[in-house]
């Protein structure tokens, strides 16, 4: 897999997490721990993407 393809895959997962966070936040009785976990994962992906872009 090329670096560009890997970045695209990570970016797609990042966007999916963004959607999950938005849906969970709008849900009545939303789970704040689940939202926090999703946000941490989203940040981890963002950091990986930035690292790959800088090294490329």
Protein backbone atom coordinates (compact mmCIF):
# COMPACT_ATOMS: atom_id res chain seq x y z
CA UNK A 1 0.00 0.00 0.00
CA UNK A 2 1.35 3.42 -0.91
CA UNK A 3 1.62 6.18 1.65
CA UNK A 4 -1.07 8.14 -0.20
CA UNK A 5 -3.45 5.19 -0.08
CA UNK A 6 -2.76 4.69 3.61
CA UNK A 7 -3.44 8.39 4.28
CA UNK A 8 -6.73 8.14 2.35
CA UNK A 9 -7.74 5.08 4.37
CA UNK A 10 -6.93 6.79 7.68
CA UNK A 11 -8.74 9.94 6.53
CA UNK A 12 -11.85 7.91 5.68
CA UNK A 13 -11.78 6.29 9.14
CA UNK A 14 -11.31 9.77 10.67
CA UNK A 15 -14.41 11.02 8.83
CA UNK A 16 -16.41 7.97 9.91
CA UNK A 17 -15.52 8.66 13.53
CA UNK A 18 -16.61 12.28 13.08
CA UNK A 19 -20.01 11.04 11.91
CA UNK A 20 -20.28 8.57 14.82
CA UNK A 21 -19.43 11.34 17.30
CA UNK A 22 -22.05 13.63 15.78
CA UNK A 23 -24.75 10.94 15.90
CA UNK A 24 -23.89 9.90 19.45
CA UNK A 25 -23.90 13.54 20.60
CA UNK A 26 -27.39 14.12 19.19
CA UNK A 27 -28.83 10.93 20.67
CA UNK A 28 -30.94 11.42 23.81
CA UNK A 29 -29.07 10.04 26.77
CA UNK A 30 -25.82 9.99 24.83
CA UNK A 31 -22.90 8.16 26.41
CA UNK A 32 -20.23 10.74 27.27
CA UNK A 33 -17.63 8.05 27.87
CA UNK A 34 -18.27 6.61 24.41
CA UNK A 35 -18.02 10.08 22.88
CA UNK A 36 -14.72 10.72 24.68
CA UNK A 37 -13.37 7.37 23.47
CA UNK A 38 -14.36 8.16 19.89
CA UNK A 39 -12.73 11.58 20.12
CA UNK A 40 -9.48 10.07 21.39
CA UNK A 41 -9.47 7.61 18.50
CA UNK A 42 -10.19 10.43 16.06
CA UNK A 43 -7.27 12.44 17.46
CA UNK A 44 -4.97 9.40 17.23
CA UNK A 45 -5.89 9.00 13.56
CA UNK A 46 -5.34 12.71 12.90
CA UNK A 47 -1.88 12.49 14.45
CA UNK A 48 -1.03 9.45 12.30
CA UNK A 49 -2.22 11.25 9.17
CA UNK A 50 -0.15 14.33 9.96
CA UNK A 51 2.93 12.23 10.69
CA UNK A 52 2.59 10.40 7.37
CA UNK A 53 2.08 13.67 5.47
CA UNK A 54 5.19 15.20 7.04
CA UNK A 55 7.33 12.16 6.32
CA UNK A 56 6.13 11.91 2.72
